[in-house]
Amino acid sequence: MLTGQPVLIFLAIGLFFAELFTSAFGILTAGGVISLVIGSMLLFNNNPPVLQINPGLIAVVVIIVAACLILIVWAVVRGQPRKIETGAERFNRKTAIVKPG
């Protein structure tokens, strides 16, 4: 049976994937990063000192994962279609008032 540590890491992975398919704008990524940090710190906490992982390594991995996910979320948000603000397409479905010159 799984204890809490791997569950937190699996929760982080699930939150990262959920962020890719929803429009949460980074909230799920932040929760995933927090879950990943806590789960990683607790996962190797009870091992003998020879088998423990350096917290600096955990920090580097979390920073790399977070940076990649933030970059993906940023690219997805930027790739969304925006409202047209120039050209003739701007006036579609608008009402115009014609004044005699």
N, C-alpha and C. Protein backbone atom coordinates (compact mmCIF):
# COMPACT_ATOMS: atom_id res chain seq x y z
N MET A 1 0.83 -1.19 0.00
CA MET A 1 0.00 0.00 0.00
C MET A 1 0.88 1.25 0.00
N LEU A 2 0.46 2.24 -0.73
CA LEU A 2 1.24 3.47 -0.83
C LEU A 2 1.06 4.33 0.42
N THR A 3 2.16 4.90 0.87
CA THR A 3 2.07 5.87 1.95
C THR A 3 1.92 7.25 1.34
N GLY A 4 1.98 8.27 2.13
CA GLY A 4 1.69 9.62 1.66
C GLY A 4 2.70 10.21 0.71
N GLN A 5 3.98 9.79 0.80
CA GLN A 5 5.02 10.42 0.00
C GLN A 5 4.83 10.18 -1.50
N PRO A 6 4.72 8.91 -1.95
CA PRO A 6 4.53 8.72 -3.40
C PRO A 6 3.20 9.30 -3.90
N VAL A 7 2.21 9.30 -3.03
CA VAL A 7 0.92 9.85 -3.43
C VAL A 7 1.05 11.34 -3.75
N LEU A 8 1.86 12.06 -2.97
CA LEU A 8 2.08 13.48 -3.23
C LEU A 8 2.79 13.69 -4.57
N ILE A 9 3.73 12.83 -4.89
CA ILE A 9 4.44 12.96 -6.17
C ILE A 9 3.50 12.64 -7.33
N PHE A 10 2.68 11.59 -7.18
CA PHE A 10 1.70 11.27 -8.22
C PHE A 10 0.66 12.37 -8.34
N LEU A 11 0.29 12.99 -7.23
CA LEU A 11 -0.64 14.12 -7.27
C LEU A 11 -0.01 15.28 -8.05
N ALA A 12 1.27 15.52 -7.84
CA ALA A 12 1.97 16.59 -8.56
C ALA A 12 1.95 16.32 -10.06
N ILE A 13 2.23 15.08 -10.46
CA ILE A 13 2.21 14.73 -11.88
C ILE A 13 0.81 14.91 -12.45
N GLY A 14 -0.20 14.48 -11.70
CA GLY A 14 -1.58 14.66 -12.14
C GLY A 14 -1.96 16.12 -12.29
N LEU A 15 -1.52 16.96 -11.36
CA LEU A 15 -1.81 18.39 -11.45
C LEU A 15 -1.09 19.02 -12.64
N PHE A 16 0.13 18.56 -12.93
CA PHE A 16 0.85 19.09 -14.09
C PHE A 16 0.11 18.75 -15.39
N PHE A 17 -0.36 17.51 -15.51
CA PHE A 17 -1.10 17.13 -16.71
C PHE A 17 -2.45 17.84 -16.78
N ALA A 18 -3.10 18.02 -15.65
CA ALA A 18 -4.39 18.73 -15.64
C ALA A 18 -4.21 20.17 -16.08
N GLU A 19 -3.08 20.78 -15.73
CA GLU A 19 -2.81 22.16 -16.13
C GLU A 19 -2.72 22.27 -17.65
N LEU A 20 -2.20 21.25 -18.29
CA LEU A 20 -2.05 21.30 -19.74
C LEU A 20 -3.38 21.25 -20.47
N PHE A 21 -4.41 20.67 -19.84
CA PHE A 21 -5.70 20.49 -20.51
C PHE A 21 -6.80 21.39 -19.97
N THR A 22 -6.51 22.25 -19.03
CA THR A 22 -7.50 23.18 -18.50
C THR A 22 -6.96 24.60 -18.60
N SER A 23 -7.81 25.55 -18.34
CA SER A 23 -7.38 26.95 -18.36
C SER A 23 -7.30 27.49 -16.94
N ALA A 24 -6.43 26.88 -16.13
CA ALA A 24 -6.29 27.30 -14.74
C ALA A 24 -5.24 28.40 -14.59
N PHE A 25 -4.51 28.72 -15.66
CA PHE A 25 -3.54 29.81 -15.70
C PHE A 25 -2.48 29.72 -14.62
N GLY A 26 -2.00 28.51 -14.34
CA GLY A 26 -0.86 28.32 -13.43
C GLY A 26 -1.20 27.90 -12.03
N ILE A 27 -2.46 27.90 -11.66
CA ILE A 27 -2.83 27.53 -10.29
C ILE A 27 -2.53 26.05 -10.04
N LEU A 28 -2.86 25.20 -11.00
CA LEU A 28 -2.60 23.77 -10.84
C LEU A 28 -1.09 23.50 -10.86
N THR A 29 -0.34 24.25 -11.64
CA THR A 29 1.12 24.09 -11.66
C THR A 29 1.71 24.46 -10.31
N ALA A 30 1.23 25.53 -9.71
CA ALA A 30 1.73 25.93 -8.39
C ALA A 30 1.42 24.85 -7.36
N GLY A 31 0.22 24.30 -7.39
CA GLY A 31 -0.12 23.20 -6.49
C GLY A 31 0.73 21.97 -6.75
N GLY A 32 1.02 21.69 -8.02
CA GLY A 32 1.87 20.56 -8.37
C GLY A 32 3.29 20.74 -7.89
N VAL A 33 3.82 21.95 -8.00
CA VAL A 33 5.18 22.22 -7.53
C VAL A 33 5.26 22.05 -6.02
N ILE A 34 4.28 22.57 -5.31
CA ILE A 34 4.26 22.42 -3.85
C ILE A 34 4.16 20.95 -3.47
N SER A 35 3.30 20.22 -4.13
CA SER A 35 3.14 18.80 -3.86
C SER A 35 4.42 18.03 -4.19
N LEU A 36 5.09 18.38 -5.27
CA LEU A 36 6.33 17.72 -5.65
C LEU A 36 7.43 17.98 -4.64
N VAL A 37 7.54 19.20 -4.15
CA VAL A 37 8.57 19.53 -3.17
C VAL A 37 8.33 18.76 -1.87
N ILE A 38 7.11 18.82 -1.37
CA ILE A 38 6.81 18.14 -0.10
C ILE A 38 6.97 16.63 -0.25
N GLY A 39 6.45 16.06 -1.33
CA GLY A 39 6.57 14.62 -1.54
C GLY A 39 8.01 14.18 -1.70
N SER A 40 8.82 14.97 -2.40
CA SER A 40 10.23 14.62 -2.58
C SER A 40 11.01 14.70 -1.28
N MET A 41 10.71 15.70 -0.48
CA MET A 41 11.41 15.84 0.80
C MET A 41 11.03 14.71 1.76
N LEU A 42 9.78 14.30 1.75
CA LEU A 42 9.34 13.24 2.65
C LEU A 42 9.72 11.84 2.16
N LEU A 43 9.90 11.68 0.87
CA LEU A 43 10.15 10.36 0.29
C LEU A 43 11.45 9.75 0.79
N PHE A 44 12.48 10.54 0.89
CA PHE A 44 13.79 10.01 1.28
C PHE A 44 14.20 10.45 2.68
N ASN A 45 13.28 10.87 3.48
CA ASN A 45 13.56 11.41 4.80
C ASN A 45 13.97 10.34 5.80
N ASN A 46 13.40 9.14 5.75
CA ASN A 46 13.63 8.11 6.76
C ASN A 46 14.74 7.13 6.39
N ASN A 47 15.42 7.34 5.30
CA ASN A 47 16.50 6.46 4.86
C ASN A 47 17.78 6.76 5.62
N PRO A 48 18.72 5.80 5.62
CA PRO A 48 20.04 6.10 6.21
C PRO A 48 20.72 7.22 5.43
N PRO A 49 21.66 7.92 6.05
CA PRO A 49 22.29 9.07 5.38
C PRO A 49 22.92 8.75 4.03
N VAL A 50 23.36 7.52 3.82
CA VAL A 50 23.97 7.15 2.55
C VAL A 50 22.93 7.16 1.43
N LEU A 51 21.68 6.83 1.73
CA LEU A 51 20.63 6.73 0.72
C LEU A 51 19.78 7.99 0.59
N GLN A 52 20.04 8.99 1.41
CA GLN A 52 19.25 10.22 1.32
C GLN A 52 19.69 11.05 0.12
N ILE A 53 18.75 11.79 -0.43
CA ILE A 53 19.02 12.64 -1.59
C ILE A 53 19.28 14.06 -1.10
N ASN A 54 20.25 14.67 -1.72
CA ASN A 54 20.61 16.04 -1.39
C ASN A 54 19.42 16.97 -1.67
N PRO A 55 19.02 17.79 -0.70
CA PRO A 55 17.91 18.73 -0.95
C PRO A 55 18.19 19.69 -2.09
N GLY A 56 19.45 19.98 -2.36
CA GLY A 56 19.79 20.84 -3.50
C GLY A 56 19.41 20.20 -4.82
N LEU A 57 19.58 18.88 -4.91
CA LEU A 57 19.18 18.16 -6.12
C LEU A 57 17.67 18.21 -6.31
N ILE A 58 16.95 18.04 -5.22
CA ILE A 58 15.48 18.14 -5.29
C ILE A 58 15.08 19.54 -5.75
N ALA A 59 15.74 20.56 -5.22
CA ALA A 59 15.42 21.93 -5.59
C ALA A 59 15.69 22.17 -7.07
N VAL A 60 16.82 21.66 -7.58
CA VAL A 60 17.15 21.85 -9.00
C VAL A 60 16.12 21.16 -9.89
N VAL A 61 15.74 19.93 -9.54
CA VAL A 61 14.75 19.20 -10.34
C VAL A 61 13.41 19.93 -10.33
N VAL A 62 12.99 20.40 -9.16
CA VAL A 62 11.70 21.11 -9.06
C VAL A 62 11.75 22.41 -9.86
N ILE A 63 12.86 23.12 -9.81
CA ILE A 63 12.98 24.37 -10.56
C ILE A 63 12.93 24.10 -12.07
N ILE A 64 13.59 23.05 -12.52
CA ILE A 64 13.57 22.72 -13.95
C ILE A 64 12.17 22.32 -14.39
N VAL A 65 11.50 21.48 -13.61
CA VAL A 65 10.14 21.05 -13.95
C VAL A 65 9.20 22.25 -13.97
N ALA A 66 9.30 23.09 -12.94
CA ALA A 66 8.42 24.27 -12.88
C ALA A 66 8.68 25.22 -14.04
N ALA A 67 9.94 25.43 -14.39
CA ALA A 67 10.26 26.32 -15.51
C ALA A 67 9.71 25.79 -16.82
N CYS A 68 9.83 24.49 -17.04
CA CYS A 68 9.28 23.90 -18.27
C CYS A 68 7.77 24.05 -18.32
N LEU A 69 7.11 23.78 -17.22
CA LEU A 69 5.65 23.87 -17.21
C LEU A 69 5.17 25.31 -17.34
N ILE A 70 5.88 26.24 -16.71
CA ILE A 70 5.51 27.65 -16.85
C ILE A 70 5.69 28.09 -18.30
N LEU A 71 6.75 27.62 -18.94
CA LEU A 71 6.97 27.94 -20.35
C LEU A 71 5.85 27.37 -21.23
N ILE A 72 5.42 26.16 -20.95
CA ILE A 72 4.33 25.55 -21.72
C ILE A 72 3.03 26.31 -21.51
N VAL A 73 2.72 26.63 -20.27
CA VAL A 73 1.48 27.38 -19.98
C VAL A 73 1.53 28.75 -20.64
N TRP A 74 2.68 29.41 -20.60
CA TRP A 74 2.82 30.72 -21.23
C TRP A 74 2.60 30.62 -22.74
N ALA A 75 3.17 29.59 -23.36
CA ALA A 75 3.02 29.42 -24.80
C ALA A 75 1.57 29.13 -25.17
N VAL A 76 0.88 28.35 -24.36
CA VAL A 76 -0.53 28.03 -24.64
C VAL A 76 -1.40 29.28 -24.50
N VAL A 77 -1.16 30.05 -23.46
CA VAL A 77 -1.96 31.28 -23.25
C VAL A 77 -1.69 32.27 -24.38
N ARG A 78 -0.45 32.40 -24.80
CA ARG A 78 -0.13 33.31 -25.91
C ARG A 78 -0.67 32.84 -27.23
N GLY A 79 -0.84 31.55 -27.38
CA GLY A 79 -1.33 31.00 -28.62
C GLY A 79 -2.83 31.07 -28.80
N GLN A 80 -3.53 31.50 -27.77
CA GLN A 80 -4.98 31.61 -27.87
C GLN A 80 -5.34 32.75 -28.82
N PRO A 81 -6.40 32.56 -29.61
CA PRO A 81 -6.80 33.63 -30.55
C PRO A 81 -7.23 34.89 -29.79
N ARG A 82 -6.81 36.00 -30.33
CA ARG A 82 -7.15 37.29 -29.72
C ARG A 82 -8.18 38.01 -30.59
N LYS A 83 -8.81 38.97 -30.01
CA LYS A 83 -9.78 39.79 -30.73
C LYS A 83 -9.04 40.63 -31.77
N ILE A 84 -9.59 40.68 -32.98
CA ILE A 84 -8.98 41.46 -34.06
C ILE A 84 -9.23 42.94 -33.78
N GLU A 85 -8.16 43.72 -33.81
CA GLU A 85 -8.28 45.13 -33.48
C GLU A 85 -7.94 46.05 -34.64
N THR A 86 -7.53 45.49 -35.79
CA THR A 86 -7.20 46.33 -36.94
C THR A 86 -7.82 45.74 -38.20
N GLY A 87 -7.90 46.55 -39.25
CA GLY A 87 -8.39 46.08 -40.54
C GLY A 87 -9.90 46.06 -40.63
N ALA A 88 -10.39 45.59 -41.77
CA ALA A 88 -11.83 45.57 -42.03
C ALA A 88 -12.55 44.55 -41.15
N GLU A 89 -11.85 43.50 -40.71
CA GLU A 89 -12.47 42.48 -39.87
C GLU A 89 -12.92 43.05 -38.53
N ARG A 90 -12.35 44.14 -38.14
CA ARG A 90 -12.70 44.78 -36.88
C ARG A 90 -14.15 45.24 -36.86
N PHE A 91 -14.70 45.53 -38.03
CA PHE A 91 -16.03 46.10 -38.09
C PHE A 91 -17.12 45.07 -38.36
N ASN A 92 -16.81 43.80 -38.38
CA ASN A 92 -17.84 42.77 -38.57
C ASN A 92 -18.85 42.83 -37.43
N ARG A 93 -20.13 42.73 -37.80
CA ARG A 93 -21.25 42.73 -36.85
C ARG A 93 -21.34 43.99 -36.00
N LYS A 94 -20.91 45.10 -36.53
CA LYS A 94 -21.02 46.39 -35.84
C LYS A 94 -22.03 47.25 -36.58
N THR A 95 -22.67 48.12 -35.87
CA THR A 95 -23.63 49.05 -36.45
C THR A 95 -22.93 50.36 -36.74
N ALA A 96 -23.17 50.89 -37.93
CA ALA A 96 -22.52 52.16 -38.31
C ALA A 96 -23.59 53.23 -38.52
N ILE A 97 -23.23 54.44 -38.21
CA ILE A 97 -24.11 55.59 -38.43
C ILE A 97 -23.47 56.41 -39.54
N VAL A 98 -24.24 56.63 -40.61
CA VAL A 98 -23.74 57.37 -41.76
C VAL A 98 -24.26 58.80 -41.65
N LYS A 99 -23.35 59.76 -41.67
CA LYS A 99 -23.71 61.17 -41.60
C LYS A 99 -23.41 61.80 -42.96
N PRO A 100 -24.33 62.62 -43.46
CA PRO A 100 -24.06 63.28 -44.75
C PRO A 100 -22.91 64.27 -44.61
N GLY A 101 -22.07 64.29 -45.61
CA GLY A 101 -20.89 65.13 -45.58
C GLY A 101 -21.10 66.40 -46.23
